[in-house]
């Protein structure tokens, strides 16, 4: 009987295009290589071989964005979720009604009304 292994988590399967890289990783690799070599050849005449540091600082964020993934969530989605959380996170205020304070205020109002009506009835 034929037996085929089926992975339990199908979300972890990604389509590989070139050298085991996904489309996202391949595009980020190409963009970062363009930035790295572009910066190197642009600043090579002024700085020399140290112009690679400028190229690496330009290429690293692009590589990080293209390759970073945690729990099938990319870095830009995590940043978007964090920004949404911090923009919409307002302090939660617990509001309750103090029935004892209301009862005390009602009692004082009622006693003042009674004293006022008693004094006004005596004057008539």
PDB file of N, CA and C in Angstrom:
ATOM      1  N   UNK A   1       0.849  -1.164   0.000  1.00  0.00           N
ATOM      2  CA  UNK A   1       0.000   0.000   0.000  1.00  0.00           C
ATOM      3  C   UNK A   1       0.900   1.234   0.000  1.00  0.00           C
ATOM      4  N   UNK A   2       0.549   2.249  -0.775  1.00  0.00           N
ATOM      5  CA  UNK A   2       1.345   3.466  -0.879  1.00  0.00           C
ATOM      6  C   UNK A   2       1.088   4.344   0.345  1.00  0.00           C
ATOM      7  N   UNK A   3       2.136   4.970   0.819  1.00  0.00           N
ATOM      8  CA  UNK A   3       2.038   5.828   1.989  1.00  0.00           C
ATOM      9  C   UNK A   3       2.686   7.172   1.665  1.00  0.00           C
ATOM     10  N   UNK A   4       1.965   8.239   1.958  1.00  0.00           N
ATOM     11  CA  UNK A   4       2.469   9.575   1.680  1.00  0.00           C
ATOM     12  C   UNK A   4       2.482  10.360   2.985  1.00  0.00           C
ATOM     13  N   UNK A   5       3.632  10.965   3.294  1.00  0.00           N
ATOM     14  CA  UNK A   5       3.723  11.818   4.475  1.00  0.00           C
ATOM     15  C   UNK A   5       3.056  13.152   4.192  1.00  0.00           C
ATOM     16  N   UNK A   6       2.122  13.530   5.035  1.00  0.00           N
ATOM     17  CA  UNK A   6       1.451  14.816   4.924  1.00  0.00           C
ATOM     18  C   UNK A   6       1.805  15.606   6.182  1.00  0.00           C
ATOM     19  N   UNK A   7       2.393  16.766   6.014  1.00  0.00           N
ATOM     20  CA  UNK A   7       2.751  17.549   7.201  1.00  0.00           C
ATOM     21  C   UNK A   7       1.513  18.030   7.932  1.00  0.00           C
ATOM     22  N   UNK A   8       1.622  18.102   9.245  1.00  0.00           N
ATOM     23  CA  UNK A   8       0.466  18.506  10.039  1.00  0.00           C
ATOM     24  C   UNK A   8       0.195  19.997   9.917  1.00  0.00           C
ATOM     25  N   UNK A   9       1.268  20.787   9.800  1.00  0.00           N
ATOM     26  CA  UNK A   9       1.087  22.226   9.668  1.00  0.00           C
ATOM     27  C   UNK A   9       1.381  22.632   8.227  1.00  0.00           C
ATOM     28  N   UNK A  10       0.355  22.812   7.467  1.00  0.00           N
ATOM     29  CA  UNK A  10       0.511  23.107   6.044  1.00  0.00           C
ATOM     30  C   UNK A  10       0.953  24.545   5.812  1.00  0.00           C
ATOM     31  N   UNK A  11       0.816  25.413   6.856  1.00  0.00           N
ATOM     32  CA  UNK A  11       1.226  26.804   6.704  1.00  0.00           C
ATOM     33  C   UNK A  11       2.738  26.955   6.603  1.00  0.00           C
ATOM     34  N   UNK A  12       3.477  25.975   7.094  1.00  0.00           N
ATOM     35  CA  UNK A  12       4.935  26.074   7.067  1.00  0.00           C
ATOM     36  C   UNK A  12       5.519  25.716   5.702  1.00  0.00           C
ATOM     37  N   UNK A  13       4.715  25.208   4.803  1.00  0.00           N
ATOM     38  CA  UNK A  13       5.194  24.852   3.472  1.00  0.00           C
ATOM     39  C   UNK A  13       5.160  26.096   2.604  1.00  0.00           C
ATOM     40  N   UNK A  14       6.310  26.419   2.012  1.00  0.00           N
ATOM     41  CA  UNK A  14       6.404  27.585   1.146  1.00  0.00           C
ATOM     42  C   UNK A  14       6.984  27.166  -0.186  1.00  0.00           C
ATOM     43  N   UNK A  15       6.574  27.851  -1.209  1.00  0.00           N
ATOM     44  CA  UNK A  15       7.054  27.530  -2.546  1.00  0.00           C
ATOM     45  C   UNK A  15       8.435  28.142  -2.739  1.00  0.00           C
ATOM     46  N   UNK A  16       9.404  27.307  -3.065  1.00  0.00           N
ATOM     47  CA  UNK A  16      10.779  27.748  -3.259  1.00  0.00           C
ATOM     48  C   UNK A  16      11.007  28.019  -4.742  1.00  0.00           C
ATOM     49  N   UNK A  17      11.693  29.123  -5.037  1.00  0.00           N
ATOM     50  CA  UNK A  17      11.906  29.504  -6.430  1.00  0.00           C
ATOM     51  C   UNK A  17      13.338  29.264  -6.889  1.00  0.00           C
ATOM     52  N   UNK A  18      14.311  29.814  -6.164  1.00  0.00           N
ATOM     53  CA  UNK A  18      15.689  29.766  -6.633  1.00  0.00           C
ATOM     54  C   UNK A  18      16.591  29.573  -5.424  1.00  0.00           C
ATOM     55  N   UNK A  19      17.402  28.528  -5.447  1.00  0.00           N
ATOM     56  CA  UNK A  19      18.342  28.192  -4.374  1.00  0.00           C
ATOM     57  C   UNK A  19      17.657  28.050  -3.015  1.00  0.00           C
ATOM     58  N   UNK A  20      16.459  27.547  -3.012  1.00  0.00           N
ATOM     59  CA  UNK A  20      15.728  27.336  -1.766  1.00  0.00           C
ATOM     60  C   UNK A  20      15.196  28.606  -1.145  1.00  0.00           C
ATOM     61  N   UNK A  21      15.086  29.673  -1.908  1.00  0.00           N
ATOM     62  CA  UNK A  21      14.572  30.941  -1.405  1.00  0.00           C
ATOM     63  C   UNK A  21      13.152  31.162  -1.903  1.00  0.00           C
ATOM     64  N   UNK A  22      12.340  31.743  -1.059  1.00  0.00           N
ATOM     65  CA  UNK A  22      10.992  32.100  -1.486  1.00  0.00           C
ATOM     66  C   UNK A  22      11.050  33.375  -2.320  1.00  0.00           C
ATOM     67  N   UNK A  23       9.927  33.739  -2.891  1.00  0.00           N
ATOM     68  CA  UNK A  23       9.880  34.924  -3.744  1.00  0.00           C
ATOM     69  C   UNK A  23      10.225  36.183  -2.934  1.00  0.00           C
ATOM     70  N   UNK A  24       9.716  36.269  -1.738  1.00  0.00           N
ATOM     71  CA  UNK A  24       9.971  37.420  -0.870  1.00  0.00           C
ATOM     72  C   UNK A  24      11.455  37.530  -0.523  1.00  0.00           C
ATOM     73  N   UNK A  25      12.053  36.396  -0.155  1.00  0.00           N
ATOM     74  CA  UNK A  25      13.471  36.388   0.200  1.00  0.00           C
ATOM     75  C   UNK A  25      14.347  36.710  -1.008  1.00  0.00           C
ATOM     76  N   UNK A  26      13.975  36.198  -2.159  1.00  0.00           N
ATOM     77  CA  UNK A  26      14.749  36.442  -3.378  1.00  0.00           C
ATOM     78  C   UNK A  26      14.702  37.924  -3.780  1.00  0.00           C
ATOM     79  N   UNK A  27      13.534  38.528  -3.690  1.00  0.00           N
ATOM     80  CA  UNK A  27      13.407  39.948  -4.027  1.00  0.00           C
ATOM     81  C   UNK A  27      14.203  40.800  -3.050  1.00  0.00           C
ATOM     82  N   UNK A  28      14.126  40.484  -1.764  1.00  0.00           N
ATOM     83  CA  UNK A  28      14.892  41.265  -0.786  1.00  0.00           C
ATOM     84  C   UNK A  28      16.386  41.067  -0.981  1.00  0.00           C
ATOM     85  N   UNK A  29      16.810  39.878  -1.375  1.00  0.00           N
ATOM     86  CA  UNK A  29      18.219  39.615  -1.635  1.00  0.00           C
ATOM     87  C   UNK A  29      18.711  40.429  -2.835  1.00  0.00           C
ATOM     88  N   UNK A  30      17.909  40.506  -3.880  1.00  0.00           N
ATOM     89  CA  UNK A  30      18.294  41.281  -5.071  1.00  0.00           C
ATOM     90  C   UNK A  30      18.359  42.771  -4.753  1.00  0.00           C
ATOM     91  N   UNK A  31      17.365  43.281  -4.026  1.00  0.00           N
ATOM     92  CA  UNK A  31      17.365  44.704  -3.680  1.00  0.00           C
ATOM     93  C   UNK A  31      18.545  45.051  -2.774  1.00  0.00           C
ATOM     94  N   UNK A  32      18.819  44.192  -1.795  1.00  0.00           N
ATOM     95  CA  UNK A  32      19.942  44.478  -0.901  1.00  0.00           C
ATOM     96  C   UNK A  32      21.282  44.374  -1.635  1.00  0.00           C
ATOM     97  N   UNK A  33      21.401  43.459  -2.615  1.00  0.00           N
ATOM     98  CA  UNK A  33      22.640  43.376  -3.398  1.00  0.00           C
ATOM     99  C   UNK A  33      22.824  44.622  -4.251  1.00  0.00           C
ATOM    100  N   UNK A  34      21.741  45.130  -4.816  1.00  0.00           N
ATOM    101  CA  UNK A  34      21.823  46.371  -5.597  1.00  0.00           C
ATOM    102  C   UNK A  34      22.261  47.528  -4.706  1.00  0.00           C
ATOM    103  N   UNK A  35      21.685  47.603  -3.490  1.00  0.00           N
ATOM    104  CA  UNK A  35      22.073  48.669  -2.568  1.00  0.00           C
ATOM    105  C   UNK A  35      23.524  48.530  -2.130  1.00  0.00           C
ATOM    106  N   UNK A  36      23.948  47.306  -1.836  1.00  0.00           N
ATOM    107  CA  UNK A  36      25.310  47.073  -1.353  1.00  0.00           C
ATOM    108  C   UNK A  36      26.341  47.436  -2.418  1.00  0.00           C
ATOM    109  N   UNK A  37      26.173  46.881  -3.604  1.00  0.00           N
ATOM    110  CA  UNK A  37      27.159  47.129  -4.653  1.00  0.00           C
ATOM    111  C   UNK A  37      27.055  48.557  -5.202  1.00  0.00           C
ATOM    112  N   UNK A  38      25.860  49.106  -5.216  1.00  0.00           N
ATOM    113  CA  UNK A  38      25.694  50.488  -5.652  1.00  0.00           C
ATOM    114  C   UNK A  38      26.417  51.452  -4.729  1.00  0.00           C
ATOM    115  N   UNK A  39      26.248  51.239  -3.415  1.00  0.00           N
ATOM    116  CA  UNK A  39      26.937  52.106  -2.452  1.00  0.00           C
ATOM    117  C   UNK A  39      28.444  51.887  -2.508  1.00  0.00           C
ATOM    118  N   UNK A  40      28.855  50.645  -2.706  1.00  0.00           N
ATOM    119  CA  UNK A  40      30.291  50.361  -2.774  1.00  0.00           C
ATOM    120  C   UNK A  40      30.936  51.077  -3.954  1.00  0.00           C
ATOM    121  N   UNK A  41      30.359  50.943  -5.129  1.00  0.00           N
ATOM    122  CA  UNK A  41      30.960  51.556  -6.307  1.00  0.00           C
ATOM    123  C   UNK A  41      30.784  53.076  -6.327  1.00  0.00           C
ATOM    124  N   UNK A  42      29.760  53.575  -5.648  1.00  0.00           N
ATOM    125  CA  UNK A  42      29.550  55.025  -5.588  1.00  0.00           C
ATOM    126  C   UNK A  42      30.592  55.694  -4.687  1.00  0.00           C
ATOM    127  N   UNK A  43      30.882  55.072  -3.528  1.00  0.00           N
ATOM    128  CA  UNK A  43      31.772  55.688  -2.550  1.00  0.00           C
ATOM    129  C   UNK A  43      33.182  55.106  -2.559  1.00  0.00           C
ATOM    130  N   UNK A  44      33.473  54.198  -3.470  1.00  0.00           N
ATOM    131  CA  UNK A  44      34.787  53.547  -3.499  1.00  0.00           C
ATOM    132  C   UNK A  44      35.900  54.553  -3.771  1.00  0.00           C
ATOM    133  N   UNK A  45      35.646  55.519  -4.590  1.00  0.00           N
ATOM    134  CA  UNK A  45      36.679  56.484  -4.956  1.00  0.00           C
ATOM    135  C   UNK A  45      36.956  57.478  -3.831  1.00  0.00           C
ATOM    136  N   UNK A  46      35.952  57.705  -2.976  1.00  0.00           N
ATOM    137  CA  UNK A  46      36.131  58.675  -1.891  1.00  0.00           C
ATOM    138  C   UNK A  46      36.659  58.026  -0.617  1.00  0.00           C
ATOM    139  N   UNK A  47      36.078  56.883  -0.245  1.00  0.00           N
ATOM    140  CA  UNK A  47      36.396  56.254   1.037  1.00  0.00           C
ATOM    141  C   UNK A  47      37.324  55.061   0.861  1.00  0.00           C
ATOM    142  N   UNK A  48      37.227  54.399  -0.223  1.00  0.00           N
ATOM    143  CA  UNK A  48      38.017  53.195  -0.439  1.00  0.00           C
ATOM    144  C   UNK A  48      37.205  51.964  -0.071  1.00  0.00           C
ATOM    145  N   UNK A  49      37.890  50.959   0.472  1.00  0.00           N
ATOM    146  CA  UNK A  49      37.232  49.692   0.802  1.00  0.00           C
ATOM    147  C   UNK A  49      36.248  49.850   1.964  1.00  0.00           C
ATOM    148  N   UNK A  50      36.397  50.906   2.734  1.00  0.00           N
ATOM    149  CA  UNK A  50      35.479  51.134   3.853  1.00  0.00           C
ATOM    150  C   UNK A  50      34.083  51.521   3.379  1.00  0.00           C
ATOM    151  N   UNK A  51      33.907  51.741   2.117  1.00  0.00           N
ATOM    152  CA  UNK A  51      32.571  52.050   1.613  1.00  0.00           C
ATOM    153  C   UNK A  51      31.644  50.841   1.713  1.00  0.00           C
ATOM    154  N   UNK A  52      32.198  49.662   1.950  1.00  0.00           N
ATOM    155  CA  UNK A  52      31.349  48.487   2.174  1.00  0.00           C
ATOM    156  C   UNK A  52      30.504  48.641   3.436  1.00  0.00           C
ATOM    157  N   UNK A  53      31.025  49.375   4.423  1.00  0.00           N
ATOM    158  CA  UNK A  53      30.241  49.592   5.650  1.00  0.00           C
ATOM    159  C   UNK A  53      28.968  50.357   5.345  1.00  0.00           C
ATOM    160  N   UNK A  54      29.055  51.335   4.471  1.00  0.00           N
ATOM    161  CA  UNK A  54      27.854  52.072   4.073  1.00  0.00           C
ATOM    162  C   UNK A  54      26.894  51.149   3.334  1.00  0.00           C
ATOM    163  N   UNK A  55      27.439  50.309   2.465  1.00  0.00           N
ATOM    164  CA  UNK A  55      26.597  49.368   1.736  1.00  0.00           C
ATOM    165  C   UNK A  55      25.916  48.370   2.649  1.00  0.00           C
ATOM    166  N   UNK A  56      26.647  47.896   3.663  1.00  0.00           N
ATOM    167  CA  UNK A  56      26.047  46.941   4.602  1.00  0.00           C
ATOM    168  C   UNK A  56      24.961  47.606   5.442  1.00  0.00           C
ATOM    169  N   UNK A  57      25.179  48.843   5.846  1.00  0.00           N
ATOM    170  CA  UNK A  57      24.142  49.520   6.632  1.00  0.00           C
ATOM    171  C   UNK A  57      22.898  49.807   5.802  1.00  0.00           C
ATOM    172  N   UNK A  58      23.052  49.961   4.492  1.00  0.00           N
ATOM    173  CA  UNK A  58      21.878  50.137   3.638  1.00  0.00           C
ATOM    174  C   UNK A  58      21.192  48.811   3.327  1.00  0.00           C
ATOM    175  N   UNK A  59      21.981  47.741   3.181  1.00  0.00           N
ATOM    176  CA  UNK A  59      21.425  46.454   2.754  1.00  0.00           C
ATOM    177  C   UNK A  59      20.838  45.650   3.913  1.00  0.00           C
ATOM    178  N   UNK A  60      21.354  45.850   5.121  1.00  0.00           N
ATOM    179  CA  UNK A  60      20.895  45.016   6.235  1.00  0.00           C
ATOM    180  C   UNK A  60      19.406  45.163   6.541  1.00  0.00           C
ATOM    181  N   UNK A  61      18.848  46.376   6.612  1.00  0.00           N
ATOM    182  CA  UNK A  61      17.402  46.459   6.892  1.00  0.00           C
ATOM    183  C   UNK A  61      16.544  45.775   5.837  1.00  0.00           C
ATOM    184  N   UNK A  62      16.954  45.866   4.587  1.00  0.00           N
ATOM    185  CA  UNK A  62      16.187  45.219   3.522  1.00  0.00           C
ATOM    186  C   UNK A  62      16.255  43.702   3.677  1.00  0.00           C
ATOM    187  N   UNK A  63      17.436  43.194   3.996  1.00  0.00           N
ATOM    188  CA  UNK A  63      17.580  41.748   4.215  1.00  0.00           C
ATOM    189  C   UNK A  63      16.763  41.302   5.427  1.00  0.00           C
ATOM    190  N   UNK A  64      16.785  42.105   6.471  1.00  0.00           N
ATOM    191  CA  UNK A  64      16.049  41.755   7.692  1.00  0.00           C
ATOM    192  C   UNK A  64      14.552  41.708   7.417  1.00  0.00           C
ATOM    193  N   UNK A  65      14.053  42.696   6.685  1.00  0.00           N
ATOM    194  CA  UNK A  65      12.627  42.722   6.354  1.00  0.00           C
ATOM    195  C   UNK A  65      12.253  41.527   5.484  1.00  0.00           C
ATOM    196  N   UNK A  66      13.128  41.138   4.576  1.00  0.00           N
ATOM    197  CA  UNK A  66      12.810  40.043   3.666  1.00  0.00           C
ATOM    198  C   UNK A  66      12.892  38.669   4.309  1.00  0.00           C
ATOM    199  N   UNK A  67      13.810  38.481   5.252  1.00  0.00           N
ATOM    200  CA  UNK A  67      14.040  37.145   5.788  1.00  0.00           C
ATOM    201  C   UNK A  67      13.392  36.894   7.139  1.00  0.00           C
ATOM    202  N   UNK A  68      13.062  37.928   7.905  1.00  0.00           N
ATOM    203  CA  UNK A  68      12.528  37.725   9.252  1.00  0.00           C
ATOM    204  C   UNK A  68      11.071  37.298   9.182  1.00  0.00           C
ATOM    205  N   UNK A  69      10.782  36.219   9.888  1.00  0.00           N
ATOM    206  CA  UNK A  69       9.412  35.730  10.006  1.00  0.00           C
ATOM    207  C   UNK A  69       9.318  34.928  11.291  1.00  0.00           C
ATOM    208  N   UNK A  70       8.327  35.233  12.097  1.00  0.00           N
ATOM    209  CA  UNK A  70       8.138  34.533  13.355  1.00  0.00           C
ATOM    210  C   UNK A  70       6.664  34.180  13.472  1.00  0.00           C
ATOM    211  N   UNK A  71       6.374  32.913  13.653  1.00  0.00           N
ATOM    212  CA  UNK A  71       4.991  32.428  13.743  1.00  0.00           C
ATOM    213  C   UNK A  71       4.172  32.825  12.523  1.00  0.00           C
ATOM    214  N   UNK A  72       4.776  32.724  11.336  1.00  0.00           N
ATOM    215  CA  UNK A  72       4.151  33.065  10.062  1.00  0.00           C
ATOM    216  C   UNK A  72       3.660  34.502  10.007  1.00  0.00           C
ATOM    217  N   UNK A  73       4.314  35.383  10.755  1.00  0.00           N
ATOM    218  CA  UNK A  73       4.000  36.805  10.735  1.00  0.00           C
ATOM    219  C   UNK A  73       5.270  37.545  10.352  1.00  0.00           C
ATOM    220  N   UNK A  74       5.203  38.349   9.310  1.00  0.00           N
ATOM    221  CA  UNK A  74       6.360  39.101   8.860  1.00  0.00           C
ATOM    222  C   UNK A  74       6.557  40.332   9.732  1.00  0.00           C
ATOM    223  N   UNK A  75       7.741  40.926   9.612  1.00  0.00           N
ATOM    224  CA  UNK A  75       8.114  42.029  10.498  1.00  0.00           C
ATOM    225  C   UNK A  75       7.237  43.252  10.272  1.00  0.00           C
ATOM    226  N   UNK A  76       6.831  43.524   9.036  1.00  0.00           N
ATOM    227  CA  UNK A  76       5.997  44.715   8.819  1.00  0.00           C
ATOM    228  C   UNK A  76       4.609  44.526   9.419  1.00  0.00           C
ATOM    229  N   UNK A  77       4.111  43.282   9.461  1.00  0.00           N
ATOM    230  CA  UNK A  77       2.836  43.034  10.127  1.00  0.00           C
ATOM    231  C   UNK A  77       2.962  43.208  11.629  1.00  0.00           C
ATOM    232  N   UNK A  78       4.100  42.781  12.191  1.00  0.00           N
ATOM    233  CA  UNK A  78       4.320  42.967  13.627  1.00  0.00           C
ATOM    234  C   UNK A  78       4.410  44.443  13.968  1.00  0.00           C
ATOM    235  N   UNK A  79       5.110  45.213  13.142  1.00  0.00           N
ATOM    236  CA  UNK A  79       5.228  46.651  13.390  1.00  0.00           C
ATOM    237  C   UNK A  79       3.862  47.320  13.258  1.00  0.00           C
ATOM    238  N   UNK A  80       3.083  46.914  12.262  1.00  0.00           N
ATOM    239  CA  UNK A  80       1.742  47.474  12.078  1.00  0.00           C
ATOM    240  C   UNK A  80       0.853  47.150  13.284  1.00  0.00           C
ATOM    241  N   UNK A  81       0.951  45.922  13.801  1.00  0.00           N
ATOM    242  CA  UNK A  81       0.162  45.553  14.970  1.00  0.00           C
ATOM    243  C   UNK A  81       0.590  46.329  16.208  1.00  0.00           C
ATOM    244  N   UNK A  82       1.900  46.527  16.376  1.00  0.00           N
ATOM    245  CA  UNK A  82       2.384  47.302  17.522  1.00  0.00           C
ATOM    246  C   UNK A  82       1.925  48.745  17.450  1.00  0.00           C
ATOM    247  N   UNK A  83       2.013  49.341  16.267  1.00  0.00           N
ATOM    248  CA  UNK A  83       1.551  50.720  16.118  1.00  0.00           C
ATOM    249  C   UNK A  83       0.056  50.838  16.385  1.00  0.00           C
ATOM    250  N   UNK A  84      -0.728  49.894  15.900  1.00  0.00           N
ATOM    251  CA  UNK A  84      -2.167  49.901  16.150  1.00  0.00           C
ATOM    252  C   UNK A  84      -2.451  49.772  17.642  1.00  0.00           C
ATOM    253  N   UNK A  85      -1.689  48.892  18.309  1.00  0.00           N
ATOM    254  CA  UNK A  85      -1.903  48.675  19.742  1.00  0.00           C
ATOM    255  C   UNK A  85      -1.582  49.936  20.533  1.00  0.00           C
ATOM    256  N   UNK A  86      -0.450  50.580  20.240  1.00  0.00           N
ATOM    257  CA  UNK A  86      -0.055  51.742  21.021  1.00  0.00           C
ATOM    258  C   UNK A  86      -0.854  52.992  20.661  1.00  0.00           C
ATOM    259  N   UNK A  87      -1.382  53.066  19.457  1.00  0.00           N
ATOM    260  CA  UNK A  87      -2.215  54.209  19.115  1.00  0.00           C
ATOM    261  C   UNK A  87      -3.618  54.086  19.692  1.00  0.00           C
ATOM    262  N   UNK A  88      -4.117  52.866  19.791  1.00  0.00           N
ATOM    263  CA  UNK A  88      -5.488  52.662  20.250  1.00  0.00           C
ATOM    264  C   UNK A  88      -5.568  52.176  21.682  1.00  0.00           C
ATOM    265  N   UNK A  89      -4.447  52.134  22.379  1.00  0.00           N
ATOM    266  CA  UNK A  89      -4.446  51.644  23.750  1.00  0.00           C
ATOM    267  C   UNK A  89      -4.701  52.815  24.690  1.00  0.00           C
ATOM    268  N   UNK A  90      -5.917  52.936  25.135  1.00  0.00           N
ATOM    269  CA  UNK A  90      -6.270  53.984  26.072  1.00  0.00           C
ATOM    270  C   UNK A  90      -6.436  53.356  27.452  1.00  0.00           C
ATOM    271  N   UNK A  91      -6.182  54.123  28.493  1.00  0.00           N
ATOM    272  CA  UNK A  91      -6.314  53.535  29.828  1.00  0.00           C
ATOM    273  C   UNK A  91      -7.753  53.133  30.110  1.00  0.00           C
ATOM    274  N   UNK A  92      -7.890  51.982  30.694  1.00  0.00           N
ATOM    275  CA  UNK A  92      -9.210  51.478  31.035  1.00  0.00           C
ATOM    276  C   UNK A  92      -9.598  52.026  32.400  1.00  0.00           C
ATOM    277  N   UNK A  93     -10.720  52.714  32.442  1.00  0.00           N
ATOM    278  CA  UNK A  93     -11.168  53.336  33.680  1.00  0.00           C
ATOM    279  C   UNK A  93     -12.380  52.563  34.179  1.00  0.00           C
ATOM    280  N   UNK A  94     -12.292  52.159  35.434  1.00  0.00           N
ATOM    281  CA  UNK A  94     -13.406  51.444  36.041  1.00  0.00           C
ATOM    282  C   UNK A  94     -14.341  52.467  36.667  1.00  0.00           C
ATOM    283  N   UNK A  95     -15.557  52.509  36.182  1.00  0.00           N
ATOM    284  CA  UNK A  95     -16.539  53.446  36.708  1.00  0.00           C
ATOM    285  C   UNK A  95     -17.639  52.667  37.405  1.00  0.00           C
ATOM    286  N   UNK A  96     -17.881  53.054  38.636  1.00  0.00           N
ATOM    287  CA  UNK A  96     -18.961  52.415  39.374  1.00  0.00           C
ATOM    288  C   UNK A  96     -19.772  53.494  40.079  1.00  0.00           C
ATOM    289  N   UNK A  97     -20.974  53.174  40.393  1.00  0.00           N
ATOM    290  CA  UNK A  97     -21.835  54.108  41.096  1.00  0.00           C
ATOM    291  C   UNK A  97     -21.779  53.788  42.585  1.00  0.00           C
ATOM    292  N   UNK A  98     -21.553  54.806  43.364  1.00  0.00           N
ATOM    293  CA  UNK A  98     -21.497  54.640  44.809  1.00  0.00           C
ATOM    294  C   UNK A  98     -22.906  54.865  45.359  1.00  0.00           C
ATOM    295  N   UNK A  99     -23.592  53.755  45.617  1.00  0.00           N
ATOM    296  CA  UNK A  99     -24.975  53.842  46.067  1.00  0.00           C
ATOM    297  C   UNK A  99     -25.070  54.406  47.476  1.00  0.00           C
ATOM    298  N   UNK A 100     -24.038  54.187  48.284  1.00  0.00           N
ATOM    299  CA  UNK A 100     -24.059  54.723  49.645  1.00  0.00           C
ATOM    300  C   UNK A 100     -23.959  56.252  49.627  1.00  0.00           C
ATOM    301  N   UNK A 101     -23.127  56.782  48.717  1.00  0.00           N
ATOM    302  CA  UNK A 101     -23.013  58.229  48.594  1.00  0.00           C
ATOM    303  C   UNK A 101     -24.335  58.813  48.082  1.00  0.00           C
ATOM    304  N   UNK A 102     -24.958  58.137  47.116  1.00  0.00           N
ATOM    305  CA  UNK A 102     -26.257  58.601  46.623  1.00  0.00           C
ATOM    306  C   UNK A 102     -27.305  58.592  47.733  1.00  0.00           C
ATOM    307  N   UNK A 103     -27.280  57.544  48.536  1.00  0.00           N
ATOM    308  CA  UNK A 103     -28.250  57.454  49.632  1.00  0.00           C
ATOM    309  C   UNK A 103     -28.001  58.571  50.642  1.00  0.00           C
ATOM    310  N   UNK A 104     -26.733  58.885  50.914  1.00  0.00           N
ATOM    311  CA  UNK A 104     -26.414  59.944  51.854  1.00  0.00           C
ATOM    312  C   UNK A 104     -26.856  61.300  51.317  1.00  0.00           C
ATOM    313  N   UNK A 105     -26.622  61.555  50.030  1.00  0.00           N
ATOM    314  CA  UNK A 105     -27.043  62.823  49.427  1.00  0.00           C
ATOM    315  C   UNK A 105     -28.559  62.927  49.441  1.00  0.00           C
ATOM    316  N   UNK A 106     -29.244  61.843  49.113  1.00  0.00           N
ATOM    317  CA  UNK A 106     -30.712  61.857  49.134  1.00  0.00           C
ATOM    318  C   UNK A 106     -31.240  62.108  50.544  1.00  0.00           C
ATOM    319  N   UNK A 107     -30.570  61.534  51.518  1.00  0.00           N
ATOM    320  CA  UNK A 107     -30.993  61.721  52.906  1.00  0.00           C
ATOM    321  C   UNK A 107     -30.828  63.177  53.325  1.00  0.00           C
ATOM    322  N   UNK A 108     -29.682  63.775  52.977  1.00  0.00           N
ATOM    323  CA  UNK A 108     -29.467  65.180  53.346  1.00  0.00           C
ATOM    324  C   UNK A 108     -30.439  66.093  52.609  1.00  0.00           C
ATOM    325  N   UNK A 109     -30.713  65.786  51.341  1.00  0.00           N
ATOM    326  CA  UNK A 109     -31.681  66.604  50.586  1.00  0.00           C
ATOM    327  C   UNK A 109     -33.067  66.480  51.206  1.00  0.00           C
ATOM    328  N   UNK A 110     -33.450  65.266  51.559  1.00  0.00           N
ATOM    329  CA  UNK A 110     -34.777  65.059  52.155  1.00  0.00           C
ATOM    330  C   UNK A 110     -34.891  65.760  53.506  1.00  0.00           C
ATOM    331  N   UNK A 111     -33.835  65.717  54.315  1.00  0.00           N
ATOM    332  CA  UNK A 111     -33.897  66.390  55.610  1.00  0.00           C
ATOM    333  C   UNK A 111     -33.952  67.908  55.431  1.00  0.00           C
ATOM    334  N   UNK A 112     -33.239  68.441  54.464  1.00  0.00           N
ATOM    335  CA  UNK A 112     -33.314  69.879  54.214  1.00  0.00           C
ATOM    336  C   UNK A 112     -34.690  70.284  53.712  1.00  0.00           C
ATOM    337  N   UNK A 113     -35.279  69.440  52.870  1.00  0.00           N
ATOM    338  CA  UNK A 113     -36.631  69.731  52.373  1.00  0.00           C
ATOM    339  C   UNK A 113     -37.618  69.711  53.529  1.00  0.00           C
ATOM    340  N   UNK A 114     -37.458  68.747  54.423  1.00  0.00           N
ATOM    341  CA  UNK A 114     -38.387  68.663  55.559  1.00  0.00           C
ATOM    342  C   UNK A 114     -38.233  69.874  56.471  1.00  0.00           C
ATOM    343  N   UNK A 115     -36.987  70.257  56.746  1.00  0.00           N
ATOM    344  CA  UNK A 115     -36.789  71.430  57.617  1.00  0.00           C
ATOM    345  C   UNK A 115     -37.290  72.699  56.924  1.00  0.00           C
ATOM    346  N   UNK A 116     -37.107  72.816  55.645  1.00  0.00           N
ATOM    347  CA  UNK A 116     -37.571  73.987  54.909  1.00  0.00           C
ATOM    348  C   UNK A 116     -39.090  74.055  54.906  1.00  0.00           C
ATOM    349  N   UNK A 117     -39.740  72.892  54.695  1.00  0.00           N
ATOM    350  CA  UNK A 117     -41.212  72.901  54.672  1.00  0.00           C
ATOM    351  C   UNK A 117     -41.780  73.144  56.058  1.00  0.00           C
ATOM    352  N   UNK A 118     -41.091  72.675  57.091  1.00  0.00           N
ATOM    353  CA  UNK A 118     -41.582  72.928  58.454  1.00  0.00           C
ATOM    354  C   UNK A 118     -41.497  74.405  58.798  1.00  0.00           C
ATOM    355  N   UNK A 119     -40.396  75.048  58.418  1.00  0.00           N
ATOM    356  CA  UNK A 119     -40.268  76.478  58.724  1.00  0.00           C
ATOM    357  C   UNK A 119     -41.231  77.308  57.896  1.00  0.00           C
ATOM    358  N   UNK A 120     -41.495  76.900  56.653  1.00  0.00           N
ATOM    359  CA  UNK A 120     -42.428  77.659  55.819  1.00  0.00           C
ATOM    360  C   UNK A 120     -43.871  77.446  56.268  1.00  0.00           C
ATOM    361  N   UNK A 121     -44.182  76.275  56.801  1.00  0.00           N
ATOM    362  CA  UNK A 121     -45.548  76.025  57.298  1.00  0.00           C
ATOM    363  C   UNK A 121     -45.823  76.816  58.569  1.00  0.00           C
ATOM    364  N   UNK A 122     -44.809  77.038  59.388  1.00  0.00           N
ATOM    365  CA  UNK A 122     -44.987  77.785  60.616  1.00  0.00           C
ATOM    366  C   UNK A 122     -45.245  79.273  60.344  1.00  0.00           C
ATOM    367  N   UNK A 123     -44.672  79.781  59.286  1.00  0.00           N
ATOM    368  CA  UNK A 123     -44.831  81.193  58.963  1.00  0.00           C
ATOM    369  C   UNK A 123     -46.225  81.510  58.479  1.00  0.00           C
ATOM    370  N   UNK A 124     -46.935  80.598  57.947  1.00  0.00           N
ATOM    371  CA  UNK A 124     -48.272  80.851  57.407  1.00  0.00           C
ATOM    372  C   UNK A 124     -49.225  80.943  58.486  1.00  0.00           C
TER     373      UNK A 124
END
